[in-house]
Amino acid sequence: MTIRPYRPEDREAVLALWLASDLVRPWNDPGKDIDRKLGFQPEGFLVGEEEGAIVGSVMAGYDGHRGWVYYLAVVPGSRGRGHGRRLMGAAEQALQALGAPKLNLQVREGNAAAGFYAAIGYEREDRENFGRRLEADGK
């Protein structure tokens, strides 16, 4: 797998990847999420490519206080081959280059990815998560 920056021609493949990875929710428009990322720190939007096909993605951003990771996904048929670990490593490097001292991420309750993050050295932190939509994306 080769990791490289996202390109506009990757859009449909990335959206299909996110759907196949069960990352899309009715209240989030993933196309808008791509557009927003391209408008802010687009260098943090990476894809994994194998033989010309997108097999993974990750979005990373730094808000001046913490680094954040979103949309880590690997095509179901390519999981277990180290692609997720490599994509996270690339995201960590991108965030370090931006000056982020720490990386945070959120995993939905019941998502099996929690075990993946623990296996690569991430620790569960005692936090309550609060949110408020500022723009309605829902379809």
Protein backbone atom coordinates (compact mmCIF):
# COMPACT_ATOMS: atom_id res chain seq x y z
CA MET A 1 0.00 0.00 0.00
CA THR A 2 1.22 3.47 -0.90
CA ILE A 3 0.06 6.37 1.26
CA ARG A 4 -0.43 9.67 -0.51
CA PRO A 5 -2.46 12.89 -0.23
CA TYR A 6 -6.10 12.75 -1.26
CA ARG A 7 -6.82 13.96 -4.81
CA PRO A 8 -10.19 15.17 -6.15
CA GLU A 9 -10.47 12.14 -8.42
CA ASP A 10 -10.46 9.92 -5.28
CA ARG A 11 -13.82 11.25 -4.11
CA GLU A 12 -16.17 8.47 -5.24
CA ALA A 13 -13.78 5.71 -4.13
CA VAL A 14 -13.34 7.31 -0.70
CA LEU A 15 -17.07 7.77 -0.24
CA ALA A 16 -17.62 4.11 -1.19
CA LEU A 17 -14.88 3.09 1.27
CA TRP A 18 -16.55 5.01 4.09
CA LEU A 19 -19.91 3.43 3.31
CA ALA A 20 -18.38 -0.06 3.21
CA SER A 21 -16.64 0.66 6.52
CA ASP A 22 -19.90 1.81 8.20
CA LEU A 23 -18.52 5.28 8.94
CA VAL A 24 -21.38 7.27 7.41
CA ARG A 25 -24.28 8.42 9.58
CA PRO A 26 -27.53 10.12 8.48
CA TRP A 27 -26.65 13.35 10.30
CA ASN A 28 -23.29 13.72 8.53
CA ASP A 29 -22.94 14.36 4.83
CA PRO A 30 -19.59 12.73 3.99
CA GLY A 31 -19.27 14.78 0.80
CA LYS A 32 -19.48 17.96 2.86
CA ASP A 33 -16.88 16.53 5.23
CA ILE A 34 -14.52 16.04 2.29
CA ASP A 35 -15.18 19.58 1.04
CA ARG A 36 -14.58 21.03 4.49
CA LYS A 37 -11.31 19.15 4.87
CA LEU A 38 -10.09 20.31 1.47
CA GLY A 39 -10.66 23.88 2.70
CA PHE A 40 -8.64 23.42 5.90
CA GLN A 41 -5.35 21.55 6.28
CA PRO A 42 -5.91 19.36 3.22
CA GLU A 43 -2.43 17.88 3.75
CA GLY A 44 -3.97 15.89 6.60
CA PHE A 45 -6.29 13.97 4.25
CA LEU A 46 -4.48 10.82 3.19
CA VAL A 47 -5.42 7.73 1.23
CA GLY A 48 -3.88 4.31 0.91
CA GLU A 49 -3.64 2.99 -2.62
CA GLU A 50 -2.87 -0.49 -3.88
CA GLU A 51 -2.63 -1.29 -7.59
CA GLY A 52 -4.50 1.90 -8.46
CA ALA A 53 -7.39 1.28 -6.05
CA ILE A 54 -8.14 3.19 -2.84
CA VAL A 55 -7.92 0.72 0.05
CA GLY A 56 -7.78 3.12 2.99
CA SER A 57 -8.19 6.68 4.21
CA VAL A 58 -7.56 8.89 7.20
CA MET A 59 -8.27 12.55 7.96
CA ALA A 60 -6.06 14.35 10.46
CA GLY A 61 -6.22 17.92 11.66
CA TYR A 62 -4.65 20.16 14.28
CA ASP A 63 -6.69 22.84 16.02
CA GLY A 64 -3.75 24.51 17.76
CA HIS A 65 -4.27 22.50 20.93
CA ARG A 66 -4.74 18.86 19.94
CA GLY A 67 -4.50 16.73 16.86
CA TRP A 68 -7.62 14.83 15.81
CA VAL A 69 -8.19 11.86 13.55
CA TYR A 70 -11.35 11.06 11.62
CA TYR A 71 -12.45 8.66 8.90
CA LEU A 72 -9.77 6.03 9.39
CA ALA A 73 -11.00 3.26 7.12
CA VAL A 74 -9.60 0.21 5.38
CA VAL A 75 -11.49 -1.77 2.75
CA PRO A 76 -12.97 -4.78 4.58
CA GLY A 77 -11.14 -7.28 2.35
CA SER A 78 -7.77 -5.63 3.08
CA ARG A 79 -8.00 -5.51 6.87
CA GLY A 80 -5.50 -7.34 9.02
CA ARG A 81 -2.57 -6.48 6.76
CA GLY A 82 -1.23 -3.47 8.68
CA HIS A 83 -2.87 -0.83 6.50
CA GLY A 84 -4.74 0.84 9.38
CA ARG A 85 -1.59 0.95 11.48
CA ARG A 86 0.36 2.53 8.61
CA LEU A 87 -2.36 5.10 7.92
CA MET A 88 -2.43 6.06 11.60
CA GLY A 89 1.36 6.37 11.58
CA ALA A 90 1.16 8.71 8.59
CA ALA A 91 -1.55 10.76 10.35
CA GLU A 92 0.60 10.99 13.47
CA GLN A 93 3.56 12.20 11.41
CA ALA A 94 1.41 14.83 9.68
CA LEU A 95 0.14 16.08 13.04
CA GLN A 96 3.62 16.18 14.55
CA ALA A 97 4.77 18.24 11.56
CA LEU A 98 1.99 20.73 12.36
CA GLY A 99 3.14 20.92 16.00
CA ALA A 100 0.41 18.85 17.68
CA PRO A 101 1.56 17.66 21.13
CA LYS A 102 -1.20 15.03 21.48
CA LEU A 103 -3.66 13.18 19.28
CA ASN A 104 -7.29 12.57 20.21
CA LEU A 105 -9.89 10.49 18.45
CA GLN A 106 -13.42 9.37 19.11
CA VAL A 107 -14.83 5.89 18.60
CA ARG A 108 -18.57 5.28 18.66
CA GLU A 109 -19.84 3.00 21.42
CA GLY A 110 -19.80 -0.60 20.25
CA ASN A 111 -17.38 0.04 17.36
CA ALA A 112 -14.91 -2.84 17.11
CA ALA A 113 -12.21 -0.32 16.12
CA ALA A 114 -11.70 0.44 19.82
CA GLY A 115 -9.66 -2.75 20.06
CA PHE A 116 -7.54 -1.72 17.08
CA TYR A 117 -6.65 1.62 18.68
CA ALA A 118 -5.78 -0.05 21.99
CA ALA A 119 -3.55 -2.54 20.15
CA ILE A 120 -1.54 0.28 18.55
CA GLY A 121 -0.97 2.12 21.81
CA TYR A 122 -3.93 4.42 22.29
CA GLU A 123 -5.45 4.59 25.76
CA ARG A 124 -9.05 5.06 26.73
CA GLU A 125 -9.40 8.37 28.58
CA ASP A 126 -11.99 9.19 31.20
CA ARG A 127 -14.03 11.81 29.38
CA GLU A 128 -17.60 12.65 28.62
CA ASN A 129 -18.21 13.65 25.05
CA PHE A 130 -20.48 16.60 24.30
CA GLY A 131 -21.43 17.96 20.90
CA ARG A 132 -23.70 20.44 19.23
CA ARG A 133 -24.43 20.72 15.53
CA LEU A 134 -23.79 24.17 14.13
CA GLU A 135 -24.84 23.22 10.63
CA ALA A 136 -27.39 20.59 9.65
CA ASP A 137 -25.85 18.08 7.25
CA GLY A 138 -28.54 15.42 7.43
CA LYS A 139 -29.77 13.92 4.23
